[in-house]
Amino acid sequence: MKRFVVNLFVLLVLSVNLPGCGYTVGNSYQPDVQTVYVPIFENQTLRRGYEYQLTEAVQRKIQSRTPFRLAKGVEADTRLTGTIRKINKSVLGTTQNDDPRNLNLEFVVDVTWEDMRSGQILSQQQVPITADVVNLVSQASFAPEVGQSLATATQRVTDELANQIIQLMEAPW
């Protein structure tokens, strides 16, 4: 019985000290946020249509990986907005006949997540461009010779950006 009491005491001491180690119980998202409004991202490039793909990818990730629900406009607790600043497709290597063999697709996106109730910026990113905007970059290489296309590279880039944006929404340690 004495050994049981000692083990229980040790377990109790360890459980009290664990929260100080950076571990959390439950999810790592803002507990006071229930809903997010994600309007269609802006696109400041000449390549059209990518703003819809990226917005849809972000909305899917919010629904599948976070406890937040999507809501419309003023009904939401927070608003997540984004602007595609740059889309760059470049050739990394060519064949003997100057056909592109390897290409690179790069997106640069600014994202702002704000609390619509208080006006406070909720972004937890450490390297913002300004106090309220976070710059995210994602890129993917693709090789047309092996069946990859601009569409597959775009899908990879938008999925990676959506993952980065969802990570932005996590609560700070």
Protein backbone atom coordinates (compact mmCIF):
# COMPACT_ATOMS: atom_id res chain seq x y z
CA MET A 1 0.00 0.00 0.00
CA LYS A 2 2.85 2.37 0.85
CA ARG A 3 4.41 1.77 -2.60
CA PHE A 4 1.05 2.61 -4.21
CA VAL A 5 0.87 5.92 -2.33
CA VAL A 6 4.47 6.78 -3.35
CA ASN A 7 3.71 5.97 -7.02
CA LEU A 8 0.53 8.03 -6.88
CA PHE A 9 2.48 10.95 -5.38
CA VAL A 10 5.16 10.73 -8.12
CA LEU A 11 2.45 10.58 -10.80
CA LEU A 12 0.72 13.59 -9.29
CA VAL A 13 3.97 15.61 -9.18
CA LEU A 14 4.77 14.73 -12.79
CA SER A 15 1.30 15.66 -14.00
CA VAL A 16 1.55 19.06 -12.31
CA ASN A 17 4.92 19.77 -13.95
CA LEU A 18 4.03 18.59 -17.48
CA PRO A 19 2.05 21.69 -18.57
CA GLY A 20 5.18 23.79 -18.04
CA CYS A 21 7.09 21.73 -20.61
CA GLY A 22 5.17 23.13 -23.60
CA TYR A 23 2.77 20.21 -23.93
CA THR A 24 -0.92 20.92 -24.26
CA VAL A 25 -3.97 18.76 -23.86
CA GLY A 26 -6.52 19.08 -26.68
CA ASN A 27 -6.11 21.07 -29.86
CA SER A 28 -3.71 23.97 -30.31
CA TYR A 29 -6.18 26.50 -31.70
CA GLN A 30 -7.67 29.67 -30.22
CA PRO A 31 -10.36 28.48 -27.75
CA ASP A 32 -12.46 31.65 -28.04
CA VAL A 33 -12.74 31.46 -31.85
CA GLN A 34 -15.60 29.39 -33.25
CA THR A 35 -16.06 30.64 -36.83
CA VAL A 36 -13.90 31.97 -39.66
CA TYR A 37 -14.88 33.96 -42.74
CA VAL A 38 -12.61 33.26 -45.73
CA PRO A 39 -13.45 35.53 -48.67
CA ILE A 40 -11.93 34.78 -52.08
CA PHE A 41 -8.26 35.76 -52.01
CA GLU A 42 -7.15 38.72 -54.09
CA ASN A 43 -4.84 38.15 -57.03
CA GLN A 44 -2.43 40.91 -58.02
CA THR A 45 -0.82 38.90 -60.80
CA LEU A 46 -1.75 38.53 -64.45
CA ARG A 47 -2.41 34.80 -63.98
CA ARG A 48 -6.12 34.44 -63.23
CA GLY A 49 -8.05 31.69 -61.49
CA TYR A 50 -5.42 30.74 -58.91
CA GLU A 51 -7.14 32.82 -56.23
CA TYR A 52 -10.16 30.49 -56.39
CA GLN A 53 -8.02 27.35 -56.10
CA LEU A 54 -6.10 28.71 -53.12
CA THR A 55 -9.24 29.94 -51.34
CA GLU A 56 -10.92 26.57 -51.81
CA ALA A 57 -7.83 24.72 -50.53
CA VAL A 58 -7.71 26.92 -47.41
CA GLN A 59 -11.43 26.42 -46.75
CA ARG A 60 -11.07 22.63 -47.10
CA LYS A 61 -8.11 22.59 -44.68
CA ILE A 62 -10.00 24.71 -42.13
CA GLN A 63 -12.93 22.28 -42.25
CA SER A 64 -10.79 19.14 -42.04
CA ARG A 65 -7.94 20.13 -39.68
CA THR A 66 -9.32 22.77 -37.30
CA PRO A 67 -12.23 23.02 -34.88
CA PHE A 68 -13.41 26.20 -36.65
CA ARG A 69 -16.54 26.43 -38.80
CA LEU A 70 -16.76 28.52 -41.94
CA ALA A 71 -19.22 31.42 -41.75
CA LYS A 72 -20.27 34.35 -43.92
CA GLY A 73 -19.22 37.96 -43.31
CA VAL A 74 -20.41 39.56 -40.08
CA GLU A 75 -21.63 36.23 -38.67
CA ALA A 76 -18.01 35.07 -38.19
CA ASP A 77 -15.75 35.66 -35.19
CA THR A 78 -12.67 36.11 -37.39
CA ARG A 79 -11.76 36.89 -41.00
CA LEU A 80 -8.89 35.31 -42.92
CA THR A 81 -7.93 37.32 -46.00
CA GLY A 82 -5.16 36.77 -48.49
CA THR A 83 -3.53 38.34 -51.52
CA ILE A 84 -1.50 36.49 -54.13
CA ARG A 85 1.41 38.88 -54.75
CA LYS A 86 3.49 36.82 -57.16
CA ILE A 87 3.24 33.70 -59.29
CA ASN A 88 6.46 32.79 -61.01
CA LYS A 89 7.01 29.88 -63.39
CA SER A 90 10.64 29.38 -64.33
CA VAL A 91 12.61 26.82 -66.31
CA LEU A 92 15.20 24.90 -64.28
CA GLY A 93 16.54 22.73 -67.09
CA THR A 94 16.03 22.12 -70.81
CA THR A 95 16.49 19.24 -73.26
CA GLN A 96 18.90 19.26 -76.20
CA ASN A 97 16.16 20.89 -78.29
CA ASP A 98 15.54 23.68 -75.77
CA ASP A 99 12.27 22.17 -74.57
CA PRO A 100 11.68 22.70 -70.86
CA ARG A 101 12.59 19.57 -68.93
CA ASN A 102 12.23 20.81 -65.35
CA LEU A 103 10.18 23.81 -64.27
CA ASN A 104 9.53 25.55 -60.97
CA LEU A 105 6.29 27.19 -59.84
CA GLU A 106 6.42 29.72 -57.00
CA PHE A 107 3.60 31.55 -55.21
CA VAL A 108 4.03 34.46 -52.80
CA VAL A 109 0.94 35.18 -50.71
CA ASP A 110 0.16 37.75 -47.99
CA VAL A 111 -2.28 36.56 -45.32
CA THR A 112 -4.08 38.43 -42.55
CA TRP A 113 -6.15 36.78 -39.81
CA GLU A 114 -8.10 39.21 -37.69
CA ASP A 115 -10.66 39.04 -34.91
CA MET A 116 -13.76 40.82 -36.22
CA ARG A 117 -15.09 41.34 -32.69
CA SER A 118 -12.10 43.34 -31.43
CA GLY A 119 -10.14 44.22 -34.58
CA GLN A 120 -7.06 42.48 -33.15
CA ILE A 121 -4.68 40.68 -35.51
CA LEU A 122 -4.47 36.99 -34.55
CA SER A 123 -1.55 35.90 -36.74
CA GLN A 124 1.17 34.08 -34.81
CA GLN A 125 3.83 34.12 -37.53
CA GLN A 126 7.22 35.42 -36.41
CA VAL A 127 8.36 37.11 -39.64
CA PRO A 128 5.58 39.43 -40.78
CA ILE A 129 6.15 42.06 -43.48
CA THR A 130 4.11 44.56 -41.50
CA ALA A 131 2.37 44.20 -38.18
CA ASP A 132 -0.74 42.68 -39.70
CA VAL A 133 0.38 40.84 -42.84
CA VAL A 134 2.27 37.56 -43.12
CA ASN A 135 4.15 36.65 -46.28
CA LEU A 136 4.04 32.98 -47.26
CA VAL A 137 5.98 31.35 -50.09
CA SER A 138 5.48 27.91 -51.59
CA GLN A 139 7.04 26.32 -54.63
CA ALA A 140 6.92 23.05 -56.54
CA SER A 141 9.05 21.61 -59.32
CA PHE A 142 7.51 19.61 -62.14
CA ALA A 143 8.78 17.72 -65.18
CA PRO A 144 6.48 17.55 -68.22
CA GLU A 145 8.47 14.64 -69.69
CA VAL A 146 7.34 12.32 -66.91
CA GLY A 147 3.69 13.33 -67.02
CA GLN A 148 3.70 16.15 -64.51
CA SER A 149 1.99 19.37 -65.48
CA LEU A 150 1.39 22.93 -64.38
CA ALA A 151 -1.92 21.68 -62.93
CA THR A 152 -0.22 19.11 -60.68
CA ALA A 153 2.38 21.65 -59.56
CA THR A 154 -0.37 24.19 -58.84
CA GLN A 155 -2.21 21.62 -56.74
CA ARG A 156 0.93 20.89 -54.70
CA VAL A 157 1.69 24.60 -54.21
CA THR A 158 -1.86 25.51 -53.14
CA ASP A 159 -2.01 22.55 -50.73
CA GLU A 160 1.33 23.56 -49.19
CA LEU A 161 0.20 27.19 -48.86
CA ALA A 162 -3.09 26.08 -47.29
CA ASN A 163 -1.11 24.02 -44.74
CA GLN A 164 1.07 27.04 -43.92
CA ILE A 165 -2.01 29.23 -43.50
CA ILE A 166 -3.64 26.69 -41.17
CA GLN A 167 -0.44 26.62 -39.10
CA LEU A 168 -0.79 30.39 -38.78
CA MET A 169 -4.10 29.81 -37.04
CA GLU A 170 -2.60 27.71 -34.24
CA ALA A 171 -2.34 29.25 -30.80
CA PRO A 172 1.15 30.37 -29.69
CA TRP A 173 3.03 28.30 -27.12
